[in-house]
């Protein structure tokens, strides 16, 4: 190393309220959060599925549970988590194949993941929950 290089002082701590995360980093964190949420809600989803195919009485019970507005909100969140995880997963597979690694393309693909997942969530959620 030459003596002409200037070293920036490294922060002693990371103030998370001050740091502004770039869009690709935000999408990456949301990908992890959505994956964890889907994994943690798997027992509930399996119970709902098992109830829906079990017996007519169990189906009626599952319908009454899903009719609750709070449960609908949670299921809407799970729908977003699934769609975001799917879209971001495709983006990360393309990045693993060295497609779209340059910064402008990475920012555009991160924005596309957010736009597509939110749009699909609204469209599919409206179709499911509003009839």
Foldseek 3Di string as FASTA:
>chain_A
DDPPDDDDDDDPDDDVVPDDDALLVVLVVLLVVLVVLCVVCVVVVVQLVCLCPPDPVSVVVSVVVCVDPVNLVVVLVNQLSVLLNVLVVVVVVCVVVVPQPDDVSSNVSSVVSVVVSVVVSVVVSCVVVVD
